[in-house]
Amino acid sequence: MSFRQFGWCALAAGIATLGFQTVSSTTPTWAQTPMQPPATAPGAPPPWKQGMTVEQKDSPLHPNLPNMLGTPAKDIPLINAKLPPGFKIELWVGDLKEARSLTLGAKGTVFVGQRLHDGVFAIIDKGDHREVKQIAKGRPAPNGVAFSNGTLFVAERERIVRYDNIEDHLDNPPEPKVVIDGLPQQGGHFWKFMVMGPDGWLYFNQGSPANITMPNYLQATILRVNPDQHIMEVYARGVRNSVGMAFHPVTQQLWFTDNGRDWMGDDSPSDELNHATQKDQHFGFPFCHQGDTLDPEYGKYATCAEFVKPDVKLGPHVAALGMRFYTGGMFPADWKNNIIIAEQGSWNRTKKSGYKLTRVVLNDASEVVKSEPFLTGLLQGEDFWARVIDVQVLPDGSLLVSDDWNGAIYRISYQKT
């Protein structure tokens, strides 16, 4: 990839990494923050330990260990899942070992990415069963998947590739073509979520490299790339780690989840649901959390008034990930254009939170009316049996839900009672 193709973002990233800054009378205070050593510098703690206080150094809290082998489909306790009256959940496909981001092809193929494993799968609904084909393997963290005009785009750890005309070649996939390469190498929050925008650009996250640190120009952002011209630019800043985003069906504005930082206590800060009304807005990280709480370290460089506030505080440490607008016709009429969010669930909290689907109700002006639990029962006391990651509306109006803990995908349907 040439410098011209990559665009000026790479130059800006290098300048930010070196610590040079241009300050003018109109530069916001946060932009004048001194650069910090990289979070991955020799002797630095693991990314998830960044921000621990001296009192927390012996804390037993730590990220949940992954279930790399998944759970045999017959052993998934789906009977414990709870939904509102009229809704039904069933196993759609199992035994995937890991199931993360979802996207839907034009011919009905469901594509599934992985984060800790190295594969991308295509699932074909045969009515009485689902046929699973692995269309890519040996890929580094192919978590993000998006489909547009016959092409499957896959966001890997440090690049985005494309598989053209993929649904006609599921048994013999073409060699991937590189859309963009050379994304930041980092130890934390390297996995991508990706969607195709109404403008024909791919939008994806580049998370903070650690729990709480000063990111470089390309980190803690939502980026976008023109897949034909190979031009990349920053769309939104101050986004710690968004692993779910979608464009509103009417306003075409980008809505996204964002995971709050750790080690600020059981009840702070909250994960967020945000939306961008224009390019180049800043959503607070690492200076301000949940729109109203200054960071203990970086808060001295800014005020919360300088940043865009969240539309919804989703709760502390819930790990809000994939989200979609409900555009189907199966669910009740008042679900139209509501947001459904998958909350993977907490680790940095004494009493677990999340582990559910949340429904966010919007009015005709795209303003939030309320948020409420949708799918619950995945947490039994302090033990969880599933971790929901992403959601995808099918053409019949039902909803798919991926679960990376069991390596399964569920289908939620509705029938009026």
Protein backbone atom coordinates (compact mmCIF):
# COMPACT_ATOMS: atom_id res chain seq x y z
CA MET A 1 0.00 0.00 0.00
CA SER A 2 1.57 3.29 -1.09
CA PHE A 3 1.70 6.46 1.04
CA ARG A 4 -0.66 8.18 -1.38
CA GLN A 5 -3.18 5.34 -1.15
CA PHE A 6 -3.00 5.20 2.61
CA GLY A 7 -3.65 8.93 2.89
CA TRP A 8 -2.46 11.61 5.28
CA CYS A 9 -3.71 9.70 8.35
CA ALA A 10 -0.47 7.72 8.51
CA LEU A 11 1.57 10.92 8.59
CA ALA A 12 -0.65 12.36 11.32
CA ALA A 13 -0.33 9.13 13.32
CA GLY A 14 3.45 9.35 13.10
CA ILE A 15 3.42 12.96 14.25
CA ALA A 16 1.15 12.08 17.18
CA THR A 17 3.34 9.12 18.14
CA LEU A 18 6.46 11.33 18.17
CA GLY A 19 4.68 13.80 20.40
CA PHE A 20 4.70 16.89 18.17
CA GLN A 21 1.69 19.14 18.52
CA THR A 22 0.45 22.25 16.82
CA VAL A 23 -1.31 24.51 19.31
CA SER A 24 -3.36 27.56 18.40
CA SER A 25 -5.77 29.77 20.26
CA THR A 26 -8.64 27.61 19.00
CA THR A 27 -7.09 24.28 19.96
CA PRO A 28 -9.23 22.54 22.63
CA THR A 29 -7.51 21.84 25.92
CA TRP A 30 -7.57 18.06 25.40
CA ALA A 31 -5.56 18.45 22.18
CA GLN A 32 -2.72 20.02 24.20
CA THR A 33 -2.31 16.94 26.41
CA PRO A 34 1.33 15.82 26.72
CA MET A 35 2.02 12.55 24.96
CA GLN A 36 2.52 9.55 27.23
CA PRO A 37 4.84 6.54 26.77
CA PRO A 38 3.20 3.73 24.78
CA ALA A 39 1.08 1.35 26.86
CA THR A 40 3.12 -1.51 25.40
CA ALA A 41 6.49 -0.05 26.49
CA PRO A 42 8.93 -2.49 28.19
CA GLY A 43 7.90 -3.03 31.79
CA ALA A 44 4.34 -1.81 31.25
CA PRO A 45 1.58 -3.91 32.85
CA PRO A 46 -0.76 -5.94 30.63
CA PRO A 47 -3.27 -3.71 28.78
CA TRP A 48 -6.17 -4.76 31.03
CA LYS A 49 -4.24 -3.76 34.17
CA GLN A 50 -3.65 -0.18 33.03
CA GLY A 51 -5.28 2.20 35.50
CA MET A 52 -5.21 -0.05 38.58
CA THR A 53 -4.64 1.82 41.83
CA VAL A 54 -2.17 0.68 44.49
CA GLU A 55 -5.11 -0.60 46.53
CA GLN A 56 -6.30 -2.70 43.58
CA LYS A 57 -3.00 -4.43 42.81
CA ASP A 58 -4.11 -7.63 44.58
CA SER A 59 -7.64 -7.61 43.18
CA PRO A 60 -8.91 -11.08 42.18
CA LEU A 61 -10.84 -9.54 39.25
CA HIS A 62 -9.51 -10.43 35.81
CA PRO A 63 -10.90 -10.91 32.28
CA ASN A 64 -13.00 -14.02 31.87
CA LEU A 65 -11.00 -16.90 30.44
CA PRO A 66 -12.29 -17.83 26.97
CA ASN A 67 -14.05 -21.09 26.27
CA MET A 68 -11.92 -21.96 23.26
CA LEU A 69 -13.64 -25.28 22.55
CA GLY A 70 -17.19 -23.99 22.87
CA THR A 71 -19.99 -26.18 24.19
CA PRO A 72 -21.60 -29.15 22.41
CA ALA A 73 -24.92 -27.91 21.02
CA LYS A 74 -26.88 -30.52 22.96
CA ASP A 75 -25.44 -29.23 26.26
CA ILE A 76 -26.35 -25.55 25.91
CA PRO A 77 -28.97 -24.78 28.64
CA LEU A 78 -31.14 -22.62 26.39
CA ILE A 79 -34.13 -23.42 28.59
CA ASN A 80 -32.81 -20.81 31.05
CA ALA A 81 -33.18 -17.95 28.56
CA LYS A 82 -36.01 -15.50 29.29
CA LEU A 83 -37.89 -13.31 26.80
CA PRO A 84 -41.06 -11.18 26.85
CA PRO A 85 -44.38 -12.93 26.04
CA GLY A 86 -44.71 -14.02 22.42
CA PHE A 87 -40.96 -14.26 21.81
CA LYS A 88 -39.19 -17.58 21.33
CA ILE A 89 -35.50 -18.50 21.23
CA GLU A 90 -34.01 -21.61 19.65
CA LEU A 91 -30.63 -22.92 18.61
CA TRP A 92 -30.00 -21.97 14.97
CA VAL A 93 -26.51 -23.44 14.61
CA GLY A 94 -24.00 -24.78 17.13
CA ASP A 95 -20.56 -26.37 17.45
CA LEU A 96 -18.72 -23.37 15.93
CA LYS A 97 -16.25 -23.10 18.85
CA GLU A 98 -16.56 -19.32 18.65
CA ALA A 99 -19.14 -17.05 17.01
CA ARG A 100 -18.62 -13.30 16.97
CA SER A 101 -19.69 -10.66 14.42
CA LEU A 102 -22.48 -11.39 11.94
CA THR A 103 -23.44 -10.06 8.52
CA LEU A 104 -25.98 -11.09 5.92
CA GLY A 105 -25.31 -11.73 2.25
CA ALA A 106 -27.66 -10.75 -0.59
CA LYS A 107 -28.63 -14.40 -1.15
CA GLY A 108 -29.31 -15.08 2.51
CA THR A 109 -25.90 -16.41 3.53
CA VAL A 110 -24.96 -15.54 7.10
CA PHE A 111 -21.25 -14.81 7.55
CA VAL A 112 -19.60 -15.19 10.97
CA GLY A 113 -16.24 -13.86 12.15
CA GLN A 114 -14.02 -14.99 15.01
CA ARG A 115 -11.70 -13.14 17.39
CA LEU A 116 -9.53 -15.72 19.20
CA HIS A 117 -9.82 -18.40 16.54
CA ASP A 118 -8.75 -17.78 12.96
CA GLY A 119 -11.74 -18.55 10.74
CA VAL A 120 -14.62 -16.99 8.85
CA PHE A 121 -17.73 -19.09 8.23
CA ALA A 122 -20.63 -19.02 5.81
CA ILE A 123 -23.94 -20.48 6.98
CA ILE A 124 -26.65 -21.49 4.52
CA ASP A 125 -30.16 -22.08 5.83
CA LYS A 126 -31.54 -25.28 4.32
CA GLY A 127 -34.87 -25.02 6.14
CA ASP A 128 -34.64 -28.09 8.37
CA HIS A 129 -30.91 -27.61 9.00
CA ARG A 130 -28.05 -25.19 8.48
CA GLU A 131 -25.00 -25.95 6.34
CA VAL A 132 -21.73 -24.48 7.63
CA LYS A 133 -18.77 -23.81 5.34
CA GLN A 134 -15.43 -22.41 6.47
CA ILE A 135 -14.41 -19.90 3.82
CA ALA A 136 -11.24 -18.57 5.46
CA LYS A 137 -8.76 -19.94 7.98
CA GLY A 138 -5.39 -19.01 9.38
CA ARG A 139 -6.44 -15.36 9.61
CA PRO A 140 -5.36 -13.11 12.54
CA ALA A 141 -8.46 -12.16 14.56
CA PRO A 142 -10.97 -11.96 11.66
CA ASN A 143 -13.63 -10.49 13.93
CA GLY A 144 -15.30 -7.87 11.72
CA VAL A 145 -17.46 -8.84 8.76
CA ALA A 146 -19.54 -6.68 6.41
CA PHE A 147 -21.28 -7.43 3.10
CA SER A 148 -22.05 -5.11 0.21
CA ASN A 149 -22.72 -5.56 -3.53
CA GLY A 150 -21.65 -9.19 -3.59
CA THR A 151 -18.45 -8.61 -1.63
CA LEU A 152 -17.60 -9.85 1.85
CA PHE A 153 -15.25 -7.55 3.75
CA VAL A 154 -13.28 -8.99 6.68
CA ALA A 155 -11.52 -6.84 9.29
CA GLU A 156 -8.49 -8.64 10.68
CA ARG A 157 -6.11 -7.55 13.41
CA GLU A 158 -4.16 -5.03 11.32
CA ARG A 159 -5.83 -4.98 7.89
CA ILE A 160 -9.12 -5.22 5.98
CA VAL A 161 -9.54 -7.60 3.04
CA ARG A 162 -12.32 -8.32 0.56
CA TYR A 163 -13.74 -11.49 -1.04
CA ASP A 164 -15.54 -10.54 -4.24
CA ASN A 165 -18.58 -12.44 -5.55
CA ILE A 166 -18.31 -14.65 -2.48
CA GLU A 167 -21.79 -16.19 -2.42
CA ASP A 168 -21.15 -17.83 -5.80
CA HIS A 169 -17.85 -19.31 -4.59
CA LEU A 170 -18.48 -20.59 -1.08
CA ASP A 171 -16.87 -23.96 -1.91
CA ASN A 172 -13.86 -22.35 -3.57
CA PRO A 173 -13.43 -18.84 -2.14
CA PRO A 174 -11.24 -16.41 -4.10
CA GLU A 175 -7.98 -15.12 -2.71
CA PRO A 176 -8.67 -12.02 -0.62
CA LYS A 177 -7.72 -8.60 -1.92
CA VAL A 178 -6.30 -6.02 0.48
CA VAL A 179 -8.45 -2.95 1.12
CA ILE A 180 -6.18 -1.33 3.74
CA ASP A 181 -3.12 -2.60 5.57
CA GLY A 182 -0.77 -1.34 8.28
CA LEU A 183 -3.34 -0.59 10.97
CA PRO A 184 -1.84 -0.06 14.45
CA GLN A 185 -0.13 -3.00 16.11
CA GLN A 186 -1.34 -3.12 19.71
CA GLY A 187 -1.79 -5.55 22.55
CA GLY A 188 -5.30 -4.56 23.64
CA HIS A 189 -8.58 -3.90 21.82
CA PHE A 190 -7.15 -4.91 18.45
CA TRP A 191 -10.28 -6.69 17.19
CA LYS A 192 -12.55 -4.86 14.78
CA PHE A 193 -16.29 -4.45 14.25
CA MET A 194 -17.21 -3.20 10.81
CA VAL A 195 -20.24 -1.99 8.87
CA MET A 196 -20.79 -0.60 5.39
CA GLY A 197 -22.02 2.98 5.50
CA PRO A 198 -24.70 4.49 3.23
CA ASP A 199 -21.89 6.52 1.64
CA GLY A 200 -20.09 3.39 0.43
CA TRP A 201 -17.30 3.67 3.02
CA LEU A 202 -16.47 0.91 5.52
CA TYR A 203 -16.67 2.06 9.16
CA PHE A 204 -14.74 0.21 11.86
CA ASN A 205 -13.25 0.68 15.32
CA GLN A 206 -9.64 0.99 16.36
CA GLY A 207 -9.75 0.60 20.12
CA SER A 208 -7.54 2.05 22.82
CA PRO A 209 -4.37 -0.07 23.14
CA ALA A 210 -4.90 -0.40 26.89
CA ASN A 211 -7.54 0.13 29.54
CA ILE A 212 -6.66 3.79 30.12
CA THR A 213 -3.85 5.47 28.22
CA MET A 214 -3.22 8.35 25.83
CA PRO A 215 -3.94 6.86 22.38
CA ASN A 216 -2.19 7.93 19.22
CA TYR A 217 -3.98 9.59 16.31
CA LEU A 218 -5.55 6.41 14.94
CA GLN A 219 -6.44 4.74 18.26
CA ALA A 220 -9.62 5.10 20.34
CA THR A 221 -11.43 6.07 17.15
CA ILE A 222 -13.97 5.02 14.60
CA LEU A 223 -12.20 4.99 11.24
CA ARG A 224 -13.61 4.76 7.75
CA VAL A 225 -12.05 3.60 4.50
CA ASN A 226 -13.15 3.94 0.90
CA PRO A 227 -12.74 0.35 -0.32
CA ASP A 228 -12.27 1.33 -3.97
CA GLN A 229 -9.89 4.26 -3.55
CA HIS A 230 -8.06 2.82 -0.47
CA ILE A 231 -8.34 6.14 1.35
CA MET A 232 -8.74 6.05 5.14
CA GLU A 233 -9.66 8.78 7.62
CA VAL A 234 -10.77 9.28 11.20
CA TYR A 235 -14.54 9.68 11.56
CA ALA A 236 -14.99 9.92 15.36
CA ARG A 237 -12.53 10.35 18.23
CA GLY A 238 -12.52 9.63 21.94
CA VAL A 239 -14.18 6.22 21.50
CA ARG A 240 -12.45 3.77 23.87
CA ASN A 241 -13.60 0.60 22.14
CA SER A 242 -16.72 0.29 20.02
CA VAL A 243 -17.51 -3.30 19.04
CA GLY A 244 -20.94 -2.49 17.62
CA MET A 245 -22.26 0.16 15.26
CA ALA A 246 -25.08 0.71 12.77
CA PHE A 247 -26.61 3.49 10.69
CA HIS A 248 -30.11 4.68 11.50
CA PRO A 249 -32.47 3.57 8.69
CA VAL A 250 -34.04 7.05 8.41
CA THR A 251 -31.49 9.67 9.52
CA GLN A 252 -28.47 7.69 8.22
CA GLN A 253 -26.52 8.80 11.30
CA LEU A 254 -24.02 6.43 12.88
CA TRP A 255 -24.94 4.95 16.27
CA PHE A 256 -22.42 2.91 18.24
CA THR A 257 -21.72 1.24 21.56
CA ASP A 258 -18.61 2.07 23.57
CA ASN A 259 -17.05 0.11 26.43
CA GLY A 260 -16.17 2.18 29.52
CA ARG A 261 -12.79 1.90 31.24
CA ASP A 262 -12.00 -0.47 34.11
CA TRP A 263 -10.67 0.02 37.65
CA MET A 264 -12.85 2.97 38.60
CA GLY A 265 -15.03 0.86 40.90
CA ASP A 266 -17.99 -1.48 40.60
CA ASP A 267 -20.44 1.22 39.56
CA SER A 268 -18.42 3.56 37.36
CA PRO A 269 -18.13 4.34 34.57
CA SER A 270 -21.05 3.20 32.45
CA ASP A 271 -20.82 1.72 28.98
CA GLU A 272 -22.38 4.01 26.41
CA LEU A 273 -24.69 4.17 23.43
CA ASN A 274 -23.69 7.15 21.29
CA HIS A 275 -24.47 8.60 17.92
CA ALA A 276 -22.49 10.90 15.68
CA THR A 277 -24.27 13.76 13.96
CA GLN A 278 -21.21 14.71 11.90
CA LYS A 279 -17.59 13.80 11.26
CA ASP A 280 -14.78 14.66 13.71
CA GLN A 281 -16.81 14.71 16.93
CA HIS A 282 -15.01 13.71 20.13
CA PHE A 283 -16.73 11.41 22.66
CA GLY A 284 -14.46 11.90 25.65
CA PHE A 285 -11.89 9.12 26.06
CA PRO A 286 -9.51 9.19 27.89
CA PHE A 287 -10.49 12.48 29.56
CA CYS A 288 -14.18 12.08 30.39
CA HIS A 289 -16.29 8.95 30.88
CA GLN A 290 -20.08 8.47 30.49
CA GLY A 291 -20.40 12.16 29.62
CA ASP A 292 -20.06 13.47 33.18
CA THR A 293 -17.15 11.80 34.99
CA LEU A 294 -13.57 13.03 34.63
CA ASP A 295 -10.83 10.43 34.54
CA PRO A 296 -8.68 10.33 37.72
CA GLU A 297 -5.51 10.80 35.63
CA TYR A 298 -6.44 12.39 32.31
CA GLY A 299 -9.39 14.45 33.53
CA LYS A 300 -7.07 17.31 34.50
CA TYR A 301 -6.54 18.06 30.82
CA ALA A 302 -10.18 18.72 29.89
CA THR A 303 -13.76 19.27 31.02
CA CYS A 304 -16.67 16.99 30.19
CA ALA A 305 -18.44 19.92 28.52
CA GLU A 306 -15.97 19.68 25.62
CA PHE A 307 -17.26 16.29 24.45
CA VAL A 308 -20.40 14.69 23.02
CA LYS A 309 -22.51 13.09 25.74
CA PRO A 310 -23.90 9.55 25.39
CA ASP A 311 -27.51 8.95 24.39
CA VAL A 312 -27.83 6.12 26.93
CA LYS A 313 -25.78 5.01 29.92
CA LEU A 314 -26.03 1.24 29.58
CA GLY A 315 -24.56 0.30 32.95
CA PRO A 316 -21.08 -0.25 34.40
CA HIS A 317 -18.86 -2.89 32.83
CA VAL A 318 -21.67 -4.59 30.88
CA ALA A 319 -19.46 -4.92 27.76
CA ALA A 320 -21.98 -3.58 25.25
CA LEU A 321 -20.95 -4.99 21.88
CA GLY A 322 -22.91 -5.65 18.67
CA MET A 323 -26.04 -3.64 17.90
CA ARG A 324 -28.56 -3.38 15.08
CA PHE A 325 -31.67 -1.39 14.29
CA TYR A 326 -34.69 -3.67 14.11
CA THR A 327 -35.96 -3.25 10.55
CA GLY A 328 -37.96 -6.50 10.24
CA GLY A 329 -41.68 -7.05 10.13
CA MET A 330 -42.07 -10.00 12.51
CA PHE A 331 -41.79 -8.26 15.89
CA PRO A 332 -44.56 -5.96 17.16
CA ALA A 333 -45.00 -2.67 15.27
CA ASP A 334 -43.55 -0.57 18.09
CA TRP A 335 -40.21 -2.34 17.64
CA LYS A 336 -39.63 -0.68 14.26
CA ASN A 337 -36.21 1.05 14.17
CA ASN A 338 -35.55 0.23 17.82
CA ILE A 339 -31.95 -0.65 18.71
CA ILE A 340 -31.06 -4.11 20.01
CA ILE A 341 -27.71 -4.34 21.83
CA ALA A 342 -25.76 -7.46 22.82
CA GLU A 343 -24.10 -7.11 26.23
CA GLN A 344 -21.34 -9.69 26.57
CA GLY A 345 -21.08 -9.23 30.33
CA SER A 346 -18.69 -7.90 32.95
CA TRP A 347 -15.45 -9.06 34.49
CA ASN A 348 -14.26 -5.89 36.27
CA ARG A 349 -17.11 -5.89 38.77
CA THR A 350 -17.61 -7.70 42.07
CA LYS A 351 -21.24 -8.46 41.17
CA LYS A 352 -21.58 -9.36 37.50
CA SER A 353 -23.59 -7.17 35.13
CA GLY A 354 -24.66 -7.38 31.50
CA TYR A 355 -25.10 -10.86 29.97
CA LYS A 356 -28.27 -9.90 28.10
CA LEU A 357 -29.83 -8.22 25.11
CA THR A 358 -31.07 -4.67 25.67
CA ARG A 359 -33.78 -2.91 23.68
CA VAL A 360 -33.48 0.85 23.18
CA VAL A 361 -36.72 2.53 22.08
CA LEU A 362 -36.46 5.62 19.86
CA ASN A 363 -39.19 8.04 18.81
CA ASP A 364 -39.76 9.38 15.30
CA ALA A 365 -37.22 12.13 15.99
CA SER A 366 -34.56 9.47 16.73
CA GLU A 367 -34.52 10.45 20.38
CA VAL A 368 -34.17 7.81 23.07
CA VAL A 369 -37.43 7.13 24.90
CA LYS A 370 -36.27 4.29 27.14
CA SER A 371 -34.03 1.23 27.37
CA GLU A 372 -35.08 -2.11 28.82
CA PRO A 373 -33.90 -5.73 29.06
CA PHE A 374 -34.94 -8.00 26.18
CA LEU A 375 -33.14 -11.36 26.53
CA THR A 376 -32.15 -12.29 30.10
CA GLY A 377 -31.48 -15.46 32.10
CA LEU A 378 -27.94 -15.92 30.78
CA LEU A 379 -26.62 -15.07 34.23
CA GLN A 380 -27.61 -17.49 36.98
CA GLY A 381 -26.50 -15.93 40.26
CA GLU A 382 -22.86 -15.10 39.56
CA ASP A 383 -22.43 -17.84 36.94
CA PHE A 384 -23.04 -17.21 33.24
CA TRP A 385 -23.76 -19.87 30.63
CA ALA A 386 -23.63 -17.68 27.52
CA ARG A 387 -22.03 -14.45 26.27
CA VAL A 388 -23.99 -12.67 23.55
CA ILE A 389 -21.83 -10.81 21.04
CA ASP A 390 -23.79 -9.61 18.02
CA VAL A 391 -27.28 -9.53 16.51
CA GLN A 392 -28.51 -9.68 12.93
CA VAL A 393 -32.02 -9.23 11.51
CA LEU A 394 -33.00 -11.90 8.96
CA PRO A 395 -35.26 -11.28 5.93
CA ASP A 396 -38.20 -13.01 7.68
CA GLY A 397 -37.93 -10.51 10.57
CA SER A 398 -36.46 -12.91 13.10
CA LEU A 399 -33.24 -12.05 14.94
CA LEU A 400 -29.99 -13.99 15.08
CA VAL A 401 -27.82 -13.73 18.21
CA SER A 402 -24.20 -14.92 18.31
CA ASP A 403 -22.64 -16.43 21.45
CA ASP A 404 -18.84 -16.75 21.57
CA TRP A 405 -18.85 -18.69 24.85
CA ASN A 406 -20.79 -21.67 23.49
CA GLY A 407 -19.83 -21.22 19.84
CA ALA A 408 -23.48 -20.94 18.83
CA ILE A 409 -26.01 -18.75 17.06
CA TYR A 410 -29.60 -18.50 18.29
CA ARG A 411 -32.74 -17.35 16.50
CA ILE A 412 -35.37 -15.21 18.23
CA SER A 413 -38.82 -15.17 16.63
CA TYR A 414 -42.17 -13.67 17.61
CA GLN A 415 -45.73 -14.88 17.36
CA LYS A 416 -48.59 -12.93 18.88
CA THR A 417 -50.18 -14.80 21.78
